[in-house]
Structures are given as C-alpha cells and as structure tokens.
Amino acid sequence: MKSITKKYTNGEVTIIWKPDVCSHSAICFRGLPEVFDPRERPWIRPENSTTDDIINQVKKCPSGALSYYMNEGE
C-alpha cells in the first residue's frame, strides 16, 4: 500500500502532510486556523501566514504528520 504525501507552499516554505500518519489532534487548526482549516479545500493554505509562524506551528505536530522544508533560494 502506497502512502499519500501532500505538499503545500507559500513560496518560501513547503508544508508536507502525511494523512496516513495524522492523529487528528487538531493542534495545527487550533494554533494557526488561518493556515490549517479542515473544513476548507485545500485544508492547508500557507499563503495565509508568515513562514516563521508556519514553521513554529508545524513543529508542534504530535504525530509527525506535518513537516516542512525551506524552498531553494530562500
């Protein structure tokens, strides 16, 4: 079975989401609802916040379903 990985970027940082790993704790949604909103599609909208705020919130993900990398040249 192949795992799904989704990527979302604001140009500076790319958020990686692994839905198979997600524990649905909603820490991302409660901490940064302008970016993480499971009621919307796409549910991750990194253009709605700063790169620093996104990184700080992604680091709080308890399951490791969210991670990030900085885009080239940034």
N, C-alpha and C. Protein backbone atom coordinates (compact mmCIF):
# COMPACT_ATOMS: atom_id res chain seq x y z
N MET A 1 0.84 -1.18 0.00
CA MET A 1 0.00 0.00 0.00
C MET A 1 0.89 1.25 0.00
N LYS A 2 0.64 2.13 -0.94
CA LYS A 2 1.43 3.36 -1.07
C LYS A 2 0.88 4.44 -0.15
N SER A 3 1.77 5.11 0.60
CA SER A 3 1.30 6.21 1.44
C SER A 3 1.21 7.49 0.63
N ILE A 4 0.25 8.29 1.04
CA ILE A 4 -0.01 9.57 0.37
C ILE A 4 0.78 10.66 1.07
N THR A 5 1.37 11.54 0.29
CA THR A 5 2.05 12.72 0.81
C THR A 5 1.57 13.91 -0.01
N LYS A 6 1.14 14.94 0.69
CA LYS A 6 0.68 16.16 0.04
C LYS A 6 1.62 17.30 0.40
N LYS A 7 1.82 18.23 -0.54
CA LYS A 7 2.70 19.37 -0.31
C LYS A 7 1.97 20.67 -0.63
N TYR A 8 2.23 21.67 0.23
CA TYR A 8 1.62 22.99 0.09
C TYR A 8 2.71 24.03 0.34
N THR A 9 2.80 25.05 -0.50
CA THR A 9 3.88 26.03 -0.34
C THR A 9 3.37 27.47 -0.38
N ASN A 10 4.11 28.33 0.30
CA ASN A 10 3.86 29.77 0.22
C ASN A 10 4.96 30.45 -0.58
N GLY A 11 5.83 29.66 -1.19
CA GLY A 11 6.95 30.19 -1.95
C GLY A 11 8.26 30.11 -1.19
N GLU A 12 8.21 30.31 0.12
CA GLU A 12 9.41 30.24 0.96
C GLU A 12 9.55 28.89 1.63
N VAL A 13 8.44 28.36 2.12
CA VAL A 13 8.46 27.10 2.86
C VAL A 13 7.41 26.17 2.25
N THR A 14 7.70 24.87 2.26
CA THR A 14 6.75 23.88 1.80
C THR A 14 6.35 23.01 2.98
N ILE A 15 5.05 22.90 3.20
CA ILE A 15 4.49 22.04 4.25
C ILE A 15 4.22 20.67 3.63
N ILE A 16 4.66 19.64 4.31
CA ILE A 16 4.41 18.27 3.88
C ILE A 16 3.41 17.67 4.85
N TRP A 17 2.35 17.08 4.32
CA TRP A 17 1.33 16.43 5.13
C TRP A 17 1.20 14.97 4.73
N LYS A 18 1.30 14.10 5.71
CA LYS A 18 1.13 12.66 5.51
C LYS A 18 -0.17 12.24 6.21
N PRO A 19 -1.28 12.17 5.46
CA PRO A 19 -2.56 11.88 6.09
C PRO A 19 -2.62 10.54 6.81
N ASP A 20 -1.85 9.56 6.34
CA ASP A 20 -1.84 8.24 6.99
C ASP A 20 -1.24 8.28 8.39
N VAL A 21 -0.43 9.29 8.67
CA VAL A 21 0.25 9.43 9.96
C VAL A 21 -0.54 10.32 10.92
N CYS A 22 -1.41 11.16 10.38
CA CYS A 22 -2.12 12.16 11.17
C CYS A 22 -2.98 11.54 12.27
N SER A 23 -2.85 12.07 13.48
CA SER A 23 -3.64 11.60 14.62
C SER A 23 -4.88 12.48 14.86
N HIS A 24 -5.06 13.49 14.03
CA HIS A 24 -6.22 14.40 14.10
C HIS A 24 -6.37 15.04 15.48
N SER A 25 -5.24 15.46 16.04
CA SER A 25 -5.25 16.14 17.34
C SER A 25 -5.79 17.57 17.23
N ALA A 26 -5.79 18.14 16.05
CA ALA A 26 -6.27 19.49 15.76
C ALA A 26 -5.39 20.59 16.36
N ILE A 27 -4.20 20.24 16.79
CA ILE A 27 -3.27 21.25 17.32
C ILE A 27 -2.93 22.26 16.22
N CYS A 28 -2.77 21.81 15.00
CA CYS A 28 -2.46 22.73 13.90
C CYS A 28 -3.61 23.70 13.69
N PHE A 29 -4.83 23.20 13.67
CA PHE A 29 -6.02 24.02 13.45
C PHE A 29 -6.23 25.02 14.59
N ARG A 30 -6.08 24.57 15.82
CA ARG A 30 -6.26 25.47 16.96
C ARG A 30 -5.15 26.52 17.05
N GLY A 31 -3.96 26.16 16.62
CA GLY A 31 -2.84 27.08 16.73
C GLY A 31 -2.71 28.07 15.59
N LEU A 32 -3.12 27.67 14.38
CA LEU A 32 -2.97 28.54 13.22
C LEU A 32 -4.12 28.29 12.24
N PRO A 33 -5.34 28.67 12.65
CA PRO A 33 -6.53 28.34 11.84
C PRO A 33 -6.57 29.03 10.48
N GLU A 34 -5.83 30.11 10.31
CA GLU A 34 -5.81 30.77 9.00
C GLU A 34 -5.06 29.94 7.96
N VAL A 35 -4.23 29.01 8.42
CA VAL A 35 -3.49 28.12 7.52
C VAL A 35 -4.11 26.72 7.50
N PHE A 36 -4.42 26.18 8.66
CA PHE A 36 -4.91 24.80 8.78
C PHE A 36 -6.41 24.81 9.10
N ASP A 37 -7.24 24.51 8.11
CA ASP A 37 -8.68 24.51 8.33
C ASP A 37 -9.29 23.29 7.61
N PRO A 38 -9.57 22.23 8.35
CA PRO A 38 -10.08 21.00 7.74
C PRO A 38 -11.46 21.14 7.10
N ARG A 39 -12.12 22.25 7.33
CA ARG A 39 -13.43 22.48 6.69
C ARG A 39 -13.29 23.03 5.28
N GLU A 40 -12.09 23.45 4.91
CA GLU A 40 -11.83 24.06 3.60
C GLU A 40 -11.07 23.09 2.70
N ARG A 41 -11.11 23.36 1.41
CA ARG A 41 -10.31 22.60 0.43
C ARG A 41 -9.57 23.59 -0.44
N PRO A 42 -8.27 23.56 -0.54
CA PRO A 42 -7.40 22.68 0.24
C PRO A 42 -7.41 23.10 1.70
N TRP A 43 -7.18 22.16 2.57
CA TRP A 43 -7.29 22.45 4.01
C TRP A 43 -6.04 23.13 4.56
N ILE A 44 -4.94 23.11 3.81
CA ILE A 44 -3.72 23.81 4.21
C ILE A 44 -3.50 24.95 3.23
N ARG A 45 -3.44 26.17 3.76
CA ARG A 45 -3.25 27.37 2.94
C ARG A 45 -2.10 28.21 3.48
N PRO A 46 -0.87 27.83 3.13
CA PRO A 46 0.30 28.51 3.70
C PRO A 46 0.43 29.97 3.29
N GLU A 47 -0.25 30.39 2.24
CA GLU A 47 -0.17 31.79 1.82
C GLU A 47 -0.86 32.73 2.82
N ASN A 48 -1.57 32.16 3.79
CA ASN A 48 -2.32 32.97 4.75
C ASN A 48 -1.55 33.32 6.02
N SER A 49 -0.25 33.00 6.07
CA SER A 49 0.52 33.32 7.27
C SER A 49 1.99 33.49 6.90
N THR A 50 2.77 33.85 7.90
CA THR A 50 4.21 34.02 7.68
C THR A 50 4.92 32.68 7.75
N THR A 51 6.05 32.63 7.12
CA THR A 51 6.86 31.41 7.14
C THR A 51 7.24 31.03 8.57
N ASP A 52 7.63 32.00 9.38
CA ASP A 52 8.03 31.71 10.76
C ASP A 52 6.88 31.11 11.57
N ASP A 53 5.68 31.69 11.42
CA ASP A 53 4.53 31.16 12.14
C ASP A 53 4.19 29.74 11.69
N ILE A 54 4.30 29.48 10.40
CA ILE A 54 4.03 28.14 9.88
C ILE A 54 5.03 27.14 10.45
N ILE A 55 6.30 27.48 10.41
CA ILE A 55 7.33 26.57 10.94
C ILE A 55 7.09 26.28 12.42
N ASN A 56 6.81 27.32 13.20
CA ASN A 56 6.57 27.12 14.63
C ASN A 56 5.38 26.21 14.89
N GLN A 57 4.32 26.35 14.08
CA GLN A 57 3.14 25.51 14.27
C GLN A 57 3.39 24.08 13.82
N VAL A 58 4.03 23.90 12.70
CA VAL A 58 4.32 22.55 12.19
C VAL A 58 5.16 21.76 13.20
N LYS A 59 6.08 22.44 13.86
CA LYS A 59 6.94 21.77 14.86
C LYS A 59 6.13 21.23 16.04
N LYS A 60 4.92 21.71 16.24
CA LYS A 60 4.08 21.27 17.36
C LYS A 60 3.25 20.02 17.01
N CYS A 61 3.31 19.56 15.79
CA CYS A 61 2.52 18.40 15.38
C CYS A 61 2.96 17.16 16.16
N PRO A 62 2.07 16.57 16.97
CA PRO A 62 2.48 15.45 17.84
C PRO A 62 2.71 14.14 17.10
N SER A 63 2.08 13.96 15.95
CA SER A 63 2.20 12.68 15.24
C SER A 63 3.32 12.66 14.23
N GLY A 64 3.81 13.83 13.83
CA GLY A 64 4.81 13.90 12.78
C GLY A 64 4.19 13.89 11.39
N ALA A 65 2.87 14.01 11.31
CA ALA A 65 2.20 14.04 10.01
C ALA A 65 2.53 15.31 9.23
N LEU A 66 2.83 16.38 9.95
CA LEU A 66 3.24 17.63 9.31
C LEU A 66 4.74 17.81 9.47
N SER A 67 5.37 18.19 8.38
CA SER A 67 6.78 18.57 8.41
C SER A 67 6.95 19.68 7.37
N TYR A 68 8.15 20.16 7.22
CA TYR A 68 8.36 21.26 6.28
C TYR A 68 9.79 21.23 5.77
N TYR A 69 10.01 21.94 4.67
CA TYR A 69 11.36 22.24 4.22
C TYR A 69 11.35 23.62 3.59
N MET A 70 12.51 24.25 3.66
CA MET A 70 12.66 25.57 3.05
C MET A 70 12.91 25.37 1.56
N ASN A 71 12.29 26.21 0.74
CA ASN A 71 12.45 26.11 -0.71
C ASN A 71 13.81 26.66 -1.12
N GLU A 72 14.32 26.18 -2.22
CA GLU A 72 15.63 26.61 -2.74
C GLU A 72 15.67 28.12 -2.93
N GLY A 73 16.80 28.69 -2.63
CA GLY A 73 17.00 30.11 -2.84
C GLY A 73 16.44 31.01 -1.76
N GLU A 74 15.84 30.43 -0.74
CA GLU A 74 15.27 31.24 0.35
C GLU A 74 16.20 31.26 1.52
